[in-house]
Amino acid sequence: MVGKKIFIVEDDMIIQMFIERILDNLGLEVMGEARTGDETIAFLENNRPDFILMDIGLAGDKDGVETAEIVNKLYQIPIIFLTG
């Protein structure tokens, strides 16, 4: 999995930083992060990660499940769900 590009969707900055540090130590590239579903969709318009780590409960008007449905429909990027 070394060299894979990952996008993190997490609205808690401390958790997001913790996840990013773990992934970096594993040799994975974190290509960005978002805190809301809308930020996620906007990022994916111009970027293609290999997969997404997504929190189920997000700030904003779309939760992680709703955002994942949109991502799957538009981009077919694999998603791994997380929750605190």
Protein backbone atom coordinates (compact mmCIF):
# COMPACT_ATOMS: atom_id res chain seq x y z
CA MET A 1 0.00 0.00 0.00
CA VAL A 2 3.00 2.28 0.07
CA GLY A 3 2.50 5.20 -2.29
CA LYS A 4 -1.29 5.12 -2.21
CA LYS A 5 -2.98 8.53 -2.13
CA ILE A 6 -5.57 8.96 0.62
CA PHE A 7 -8.09 11.70 1.28
CA ILE A 8 -9.31 12.20 4.86
CA VAL A 9 -12.81 13.47 5.62
CA GLU A 10 -12.98 14.22 9.35
CA ASP A 11 -14.50 17.22 11.11
CA ASP A 12 -12.47 16.85 14.32
CA MET A 13 -9.05 18.39 13.69
CA ILE A 14 -7.30 16.42 16.46
CA ILE A 15 -8.55 13.09 15.10
CA GLN A 16 -7.70 14.15 11.55
CA MET A 17 -4.12 15.03 12.57
CA PHE A 18 -3.78 11.72 14.43
CA ILE A 19 -4.96 9.74 11.38
CA GLU A 20 -2.67 11.71 9.10
CA ARG A 21 0.36 10.99 11.30
CA ILE A 22 -0.40 7.24 11.33
CA LEU A 23 -0.82 7.12 7.56
CA ASP A 24 2.38 9.09 7.02
CA ASN A 25 4.29 6.66 9.25
CA LEU A 26 2.94 3.82 7.10
CA GLY A 27 4.30 5.46 3.94
CA LEU A 28 0.93 6.52 2.59
CA GLU A 29 0.38 9.92 0.98
CA VAL A 30 -2.38 12.07 2.46
CA MET A 31 -3.31 14.28 -0.47
CA GLY A 32 -5.76 16.42 1.45
CA GLU A 33 -8.48 16.63 4.01
CA ALA A 34 -11.98 18.02 4.34
CA ARG A 35 -14.32 18.70 7.23
CA THR A 36 -17.67 18.66 5.40
CA GLY A 37 -19.38 16.81 2.60
CA ASP A 38 -19.42 19.92 0.43
CA GLU A 39 -15.64 20.40 0.86
CA THR A 40 -15.17 16.76 -0.10
CA ILE A 41 -17.18 17.03 -3.31
CA ALA A 42 -15.37 20.26 -4.26
CA PHE A 43 -11.96 18.63 -3.71
CA LEU A 44 -12.85 15.59 -5.81
CA GLU A 45 -13.79 17.73 -8.80
CA ASN A 46 -10.06 18.16 -9.51
CA ASN A 47 -8.35 15.38 -7.51
CA ARG A 48 -8.49 11.57 -7.49
CA PRO A 49 -7.29 9.80 -4.37
CA ASP A 50 -6.92 6.01 -4.37
CA PHE A 51 -9.35 5.84 -1.48
CA ILE A 52 -11.10 7.98 1.13
CA LEU A 53 -11.23 7.65 4.91
CA MET A 54 -14.56 9.20 5.88
CA ASP A 55 -16.08 9.97 9.25
CA ILE A 56 -19.75 8.98 9.45
CA GLY A 57 -20.76 12.07 11.44
CA LEU A 58 -19.63 15.26 9.69
CA ALA A 59 -20.25 18.94 10.26
CA GLY A 60 -22.45 20.64 7.68
CA ASP A 61 -25.64 19.57 5.97
CA LYS A 62 -24.39 16.19 4.66
CA ASP A 63 -23.21 13.39 6.93
CA GLY A 64 -20.58 10.88 5.86
CA VAL A 65 -23.07 8.38 4.51
CA GLU A 66 -24.81 10.97 2.32
CA THR A 67 -21.46 12.26 1.10
CA ALA A 68 -20.29 8.72 0.32
CA GLU A 69 -23.40 8.11 -1.79
CA ILE A 70 -22.60 11.19 -3.87
CA VAL A 71 -18.92 10.23 -4.18
CA ASN A 72 -19.85 6.71 -5.25
CA LYS A 73 -22.31 7.97 -7.84
CA LEU A 74 -19.96 10.57 -9.34
CA TYR A 75 -16.46 9.14 -8.89
CA GLN A 76 -16.56 5.47 -7.75
CA ILE A 77 -13.68 6.01 -5.28
CA PRO A 78 -13.43 3.36 -2.52
CA ILE A 79 -14.41 4.67 0.92
CA ILE A 80 -13.52 3.38 4.37
CA PHE A 81 -15.86 4.68 7.08
CA LEU A 82 -14.58 5.83 10.46
CA THR A 83 -16.35 6.97 13.60
CA GLY A 84 -15.22 8.14 17.01
